[in-house]
Protein backbone atom coordinates (compact mmCIF):
# COMPACT_ATOMS: atom_id res chain seq x y z
CA UNK A 1 -34.19 40.03 114.01
CA UNK A 2 -37.61 40.42 115.62
CA UNK A 3 -40.96 39.82 113.98
CA UNK A 4 -42.57 43.05 112.76
CA UNK A 5 -45.76 43.77 114.69
CA UNK A 6 -47.67 44.58 111.49
CA UNK A 7 -47.01 41.04 110.22
CA UNK A 8 -48.24 39.16 113.29
CA UNK A 9 -51.82 38.64 112.08
CA UNK A 10 -50.61 36.94 108.91
CA UNK A 11 -48.04 34.85 110.75
CA UNK A 12 -50.67 33.74 113.29
CA UNK A 13 -53.03 32.77 110.47
CA UNK A 14 -50.26 30.56 109.10
CA UNK A 15 -49.60 29.07 112.55
CA UNK A 16 -46.07 30.46 112.74
CA UNK A 17 -46.30 33.63 114.82
CA UNK A 18 -42.89 32.89 116.37
CA UNK A 19 -41.15 32.88 112.95
CA UNK A 20 -37.76 34.56 112.86
CA UNK A 21 -37.33 37.58 110.60
CA UNK A 22 -34.22 36.78 108.55
CA UNK A 23 -34.20 39.56 105.99
CA UNK A 24 -36.08 42.51 104.54
CA UNK A 25 -36.03 44.88 101.60
CA UNK A 26 -38.16 47.52 99.99
CA UNK A 27 -40.77 45.03 98.77
CA UNK A 28 -41.01 42.34 101.44
CA UNK A 29 -39.90 40.90 104.74
CA UNK A 30 -38.57 37.34 104.77
CA UNK A 31 -39.24 34.91 107.62
CA UNK A 32 -37.87 31.45 108.35
CA UNK A 33 -41.13 29.54 107.89
CA UNK A 34 -39.62 26.14 108.72
CA UNK A 35 -36.42 24.22 108.03
CA UNK A 36 -37.29 23.78 104.36
CA UNK A 37 -39.19 26.96 103.49
CA UNK A 38 -39.17 30.74 103.89
CA UNK A 39 -42.10 33.14 103.88
CA UNK A 40 -41.87 36.33 101.82
CA UNK A 41 -44.48 38.67 103.24
CA UNK A 42 -45.07 41.54 100.83
CA UNK A 43 -45.54 44.99 102.28
CA UNK A 44 -49.11 46.42 102.38
CA UNK A 45 -50.39 47.49 98.98
CA UNK A 46 -48.54 44.83 97.00
CA UNK A 47 -50.33 43.47 93.95
CA UNK A 48 -51.37 39.82 93.85
CA UNK A 49 -51.27 39.93 90.04
CA UNK A 50 -47.70 41.23 90.01
CA UNK A 51 -46.59 38.57 92.47
CA UNK A 52 -48.21 35.82 90.43
CA UNK A 53 -46.34 37.16 87.41
CA UNK A 54 -43.11 37.05 89.40
CA UNK A 55 -43.85 33.44 90.37
CA UNK A 56 -44.27 32.54 86.68
CA UNK A 57 -40.96 34.23 85.86
CA UNK A 58 -39.18 32.38 88.67
CA UNK A 59 -40.59 29.09 87.39
CA UNK A 60 -39.25 29.89 83.92
CA UNK A 61 -35.86 30.84 85.40
CA UNK A 62 -35.74 27.61 87.41
CA UNK A 63 -36.42 25.59 84.25
CA UNK A 64 -33.67 27.42 82.36
CA UNK A 65 -30.91 27.63 84.96
CA UNK A 66 -29.13 24.34 84.13
CA UNK A 67 -26.21 26.23 82.57
CA UNK A 68 -25.32 28.31 85.66
CA UNK A 69 -23.40 27.38 88.80
CA UNK A 70 -25.92 28.76 91.31
CA UNK A 71 -29.55 28.17 92.15
CA UNK A 72 -32.48 30.62 92.17
CA UNK A 73 -35.68 30.94 94.21
CA UNK A 74 -38.44 28.37 93.74
CA UNK A 75 -41.97 29.57 94.56
CA UNK A 76 -44.18 26.90 96.10
CA UNK A 77 -47.31 28.91 96.93
CA UNK A 78 -48.71 32.43 96.52
CA UNK A 79 -51.65 33.47 98.70
CA UNK A 80 -53.45 36.48 100.14
CA UNK A 81 -54.13 36.68 103.88
CA UNK A 82 -55.86 39.65 105.56
CA UNK A 83 -55.14 41.75 102.49
CA UNK A 84 -51.42 40.87 102.48
CA UNK A 85 -49.70 38.93 99.72
CA UNK A 86 -47.64 36.05 101.14
CA UNK A 87 -45.29 33.75 99.24
CA UNK A 88 -43.85 30.42 100.38
CA UNK A 89 -40.48 29.65 98.77
CA UNK A 90 -37.92 26.90 99.10
CA UNK A 91 -35.24 27.80 101.61
CA UNK A 92 -31.85 28.35 99.97
CA UNK A 93 -28.41 27.55 101.34
CA UNK A 94 -26.05 30.33 102.37
CA UNK A 95 -25.76 33.80 103.86
CA UNK A 96 -25.70 37.04 101.92
CA UNK A 97 -22.43 38.11 100.39
CA UNK A 98 -22.87 41.44 102.19
CA UNK A 99 -22.82 39.58 105.49
CA UNK A 100 -19.88 37.42 104.45
CA UNK A 101 -17.80 40.43 103.41
CA UNK A 102 -18.20 41.76 106.93
CA UNK A 103 -15.81 39.08 108.20
CA UNK A 104 -13.94 37.51 105.26
CA UNK A 105 -10.28 38.38 104.72
CA UNK A 106 -7.39 37.67 102.36
CA UNK A 107 -7.76 35.00 99.69
CA UNK A 108 -11.19 33.96 100.97
CA UNK A 109 -12.45 37.52 100.43
CA UNK A 110 -10.97 37.75 96.94
CA UNK A 111 -12.63 34.47 95.97
CA UNK A 112 -15.99 35.69 97.25
CA UNK A 113 -15.80 38.92 95.25
CA UNK A 114 -14.63 36.99 92.18
CA UNK A 115 -17.51 34.53 92.59
CA UNK A 116 -19.99 37.40 92.86
CA UNK A 117 -18.74 38.97 89.64
CA UNK A 118 -18.67 35.63 87.82
CA UNK A 119 -22.26 34.97 88.90
CA UNK A 120 -23.26 38.33 87.41
CA UNK A 121 -21.69 37.29 84.11
CA UNK A 122 -23.65 34.00 84.11
CA UNK A 123 -27.19 35.34 84.57
CA UNK A 124 -27.58 35.73 80.81
CA UNK A 125 -27.00 31.98 80.42
CA UNK A 126 -30.39 31.33 82.02
CA UNK A 127 -32.78 30.45 79.19
CA UNK A 128 -35.39 33.22 79.30
CA UNK A 129 -36.21 34.69 75.89
CA UNK A 130 -38.64 37.33 74.64
CA UNK A 131 -39.32 39.15 71.39
CA UNK A 132 -38.74 42.56 73.02
CA UNK A 133 -36.19 44.46 75.09
CA UNK A 134 -37.46 45.59 78.46
CA UNK A 135 -38.99 44.81 81.81
CA UNK A 136 -40.24 41.31 82.61
CA UNK A 137 -42.22 41.53 85.86
CA UNK A 138 -42.61 45.22 86.62
CA UNK A 139 -46.05 46.58 87.47
CA UNK A 140 -45.57 49.24 84.76
CA UNK A 141 -43.35 47.43 82.31
CA UNK A 142 -41.42 49.40 79.67
CA UNK A 143 -40.84 47.31 76.53
CA UNK A 144 -39.43 48.23 73.14
CA UNK A 145 -38.41 46.38 69.94
CA UNK A 146 -34.75 47.49 70.20
CA UNK A 147 -32.27 47.95 73.02
CA UNK A 148 -31.53 51.65 72.35
CA UNK A 149 -35.26 52.36 72.29
CA UNK A 150 -35.64 50.67 75.67
CA UNK A 151 -32.73 52.65 77.15
CA UNK A 152 -34.28 55.90 75.90
CA UNK A 153 -37.76 54.98 77.16
CA UNK A 154 -36.47 54.11 80.61
CA UNK A 155 -34.51 57.35 80.76
CA UNK A 156 -37.63 59.28 79.79
CA UNK A 157 -39.55 57.66 82.63
CA UNK A 158 -36.89 58.92 85.02
CA UNK A 159 -37.10 62.43 83.51
CA UNK A 160 -40.87 62.53 84.05
CA UNK A 161 -40.66 61.34 87.65
CA UNK A 162 -41.83 64.09 90.06
CA UNK A 163 -38.65 63.80 92.11
CA UNK A 164 -36.26 63.47 89.16
CA UNK A 165 -32.66 64.43 89.80
CA UNK A 166 -31.20 67.37 87.90
CA UNK A 167 -28.23 65.64 86.26
CA UNK A 168 -29.64 62.96 83.99
CA UNK A 169 -27.61 61.66 81.01
CA UNK A 170 -28.17 63.14 77.57
CA UNK A 171 -30.94 61.62 75.47
CA UNK A 172 -28.39 60.13 73.06
CA UNK A 173 -27.00 57.87 75.81
CA UNK A 174 -23.56 58.07 74.23
CA UNK A 175 -21.07 55.42 75.24
CA UNK A 176 -23.57 52.61 75.79
CA UNK A 177 -23.04 49.87 73.19
CA UNK A 178 -25.97 48.48 71.24
CA UNK A 179 -27.20 44.94 71.75
CA UNK A 180 -28.93 42.86 69.10
CA UNK A 181 -29.65 39.74 71.19
CA UNK A 182 -31.54 40.37 74.40
CA UNK A 183 -30.93 38.01 77.31
CA UNK A 184 -31.96 37.79 80.94
CA UNK A 185 -30.64 40.56 83.20
CA UNK A 186 -31.26 40.57 86.95
CA UNK A 187 -30.21 44.23 87.35
CA UNK A 188 -30.49 44.28 91.16
CA UNK A 189 -27.55 41.94 91.61
CA UNK A 190 -25.78 43.53 94.58
CA UNK A 191 -24.09 41.72 97.51
CA UNK A 192 -27.35 41.50 99.47
CA UNK A 193 -29.00 39.49 96.68
CA UNK A 194 -26.24 36.89 96.40
CA UNK A 195 -25.96 33.96 98.82
CA UNK A 196 -22.64 32.29 99.58
CA UNK A 197 -21.57 29.20 101.49
CA UNK A 198 -18.17 27.53 101.92
CA UNK A 199 -16.50 30.21 99.82
CA UNK A 200 -18.74 29.99 96.76
CA UNK A 201 -21.92 31.56 95.41
CA UNK A 202 -24.84 29.23 96.07
CA UNK A 203 -27.81 31.35 94.96
CA UNK A 204 -28.90 34.57 93.32
CA UNK A 205 -32.17 35.83 94.78
CA UNK A 206 -34.73 38.60 94.26
CA UNK A 207 -35.41 38.24 90.55
CA UNK A 208 -38.55 40.21 89.81
CA UNK A 209 -39.41 43.89 89.51
CA UNK A 210 -36.04 44.90 88.03
CA UNK A 211 -35.49 41.81 85.87
CA UNK A 212 -35.38 42.57 82.16
CA UNK A 213 -34.40 41.38 78.72
CA UNK A 214 -31.40 43.48 77.76
CA UNK A 215 -27.67 43.35 77.16
CA UNK A 216 -26.42 40.62 79.49
CA UNK A 217 -23.29 42.69 80.17
CA UNK A 218 -25.52 45.11 82.07
CA UNK A 219 -25.38 42.77 85.09
CA UNK A 220 -21.56 42.84 84.96
CA UNK A 221 -21.42 46.63 84.94
CA UNK A 222 -24.15 46.88 87.59
CA UNK A 223 -22.51 44.36 89.94
CA UNK A 224 -19.33 46.47 89.91
CA UNK A 225 -21.25 49.74 90.33
CA UNK A 226 -23.13 48.36 93.33
CA UNK A 227 -19.87 47.87 95.23
CA UNK A 228 -19.65 51.66 95.70
CA UNK A 229 -19.49 52.67 99.38
CA UNK A 230 -22.99 54.20 99.53
CA UNK A 231 -24.54 50.90 98.43
CA UNK A 232 -22.08 48.34 99.85
CA UNK A 233 -20.34 49.80 102.90
CA UNK A 234 -18.92 46.36 103.66
CA UNK A 235 -16.92 46.42 100.39
CA UNK A 236 -13.37 47.77 100.58
CA UNK A 237 -11.19 49.82 98.27
CA UNK A 238 -9.40 46.57 97.42
CA UNK A 239 -12.70 44.86 96.55
CA UNK A 240 -13.58 47.68 94.18
CA UNK A 241 -10.13 47.62 92.59
CA UNK A 242 -10.47 43.88 92.00
CA UNK A 243 -13.87 44.46 90.40
CA UNK A 244 -12.54 47.17 88.09
CA UNK A 245 -9.70 44.88 87.04
CA UNK A 246 -12.27 42.16 86.37
CA UNK A 247 -14.10 44.53 84.03
CA UNK A 248 -10.88 45.52 82.32
CA UNK A 249 -9.86 41.90 81.78
CA UNK A 250 -13.13 41.36 79.90
CA UNK A 251 -12.90 44.50 77.80
CA UNK A 252 -15.80 46.12 79.65
CA UNK A 253 -14.14 49.06 81.40
CA UNK A 254 -14.33 51.61 78.56
CA UNK A 255 -18.15 51.68 78.55
CA UNK A 256 -18.49 51.49 82.32
CA UNK A 257 -18.85 55.25 83.09
CA UNK A 258 -21.65 55.74 80.53
CA UNK A 259 -23.51 52.59 81.56
CA UNK A 260 -23.13 53.44 85.25
CA UNK A 261 -24.80 56.79 84.64
CA UNK A 262 -27.73 55.06 82.95
CA UNK A 263 -27.97 52.64 85.88
CA UNK A 264 -28.10 55.63 88.25
CA UNK A 265 -30.79 57.28 86.11
CA UNK A 266 -32.87 54.09 86.40
CA UNK A 267 -32.58 54.05 90.19
CA UNK A 268 -33.19 57.76 90.74
CA UNK A 269 -36.91 56.91 90.97
CA UNK A 270 -36.24 55.20 94.33
CA UNK A 271 -37.34 58.09 96.56
CA UNK A 272 -37.63 55.88 99.65
CA UNK A 273 -33.94 54.87 99.84
CA UNK A 274 -31.72 57.79 100.97
CA UNK A 275 -28.46 55.87 100.41
CA UNK A 276 -29.43 54.86 96.88
CA UNK A 277 -30.63 58.39 96.19
CA UNK A 278 -27.30 59.83 97.39
CA UNK A 279 -25.40 57.40 95.14
CA UNK A 280 -27.52 58.35 92.13
CA UNK A 281 -26.97 62.04 92.77
CA UNK A 282 -23.20 61.62 93.03
CA UNK A 283 -22.90 59.45 89.92
CA UNK A 284 -25.13 61.67 87.78
CA UNK A 285 -23.37 64.87 88.84
CA UNK A 286 -19.94 63.59 87.76
CA UNK A 287 -19.92 63.23 83.95
CA UNK A 288 -17.43 60.63 82.73
CA UNK A 289 -16.55 59.39 86.22
CA UNK A 290 -16.70 55.73 87.14
């Protein structure tokens, strides 16, 4: 992938204008800074304060991840160059699961999907605690004293969004179980945010704007939902069937349709992602469907 021309001034200031672009998302482009580090270059308009808050969260996650089988990003430096927020992070081992699913077959593929789902179930084991339910590092965090109150407040934010979709769930959010003990939820744990190597999950990346304190099972339901074809075209019908069986084996399938609709209502604010928008529209227009 080629260096973006808008990033060249920052890369030159860092003495690495020939850096290879290795990934990008809605918030940042990621460059191979050197053999040990990567550079996350935030898109214009990013907030330094928000990124410093994300760095603090990642430090807390790193300190509390001893109970999980994967690693997480480690921030080494946050800086501002020519009005752009730049972050140096430790380089992690592996390629994205999305990339791996493009070539993996048979038992290897099944193990990768299983590892992805198991990683989603482990995120709540990372020791991050708060006295509220809600967003951890969002620029406009929604936080409430109870889980149902947070679910309602987040849904209301979607309703008030200028481009809100027509088919949002009812205000009662029926079918979503309550949660008394809030734990860490990544919430954007899709195949592109999971790194794999030698058939196993090595890292979960991109904790930040969507990370929250909520029902840890939310990551399990979300990881399965994100295998839908609009969001993960590399996933197959067989991959999705395996994921649904994984939910069923853990007693999580009954609540999946209701939770999936809430997940779609959360993401319907993403006006700049046509594929995500199409997925939200489909999910929200099909009551009771998984």
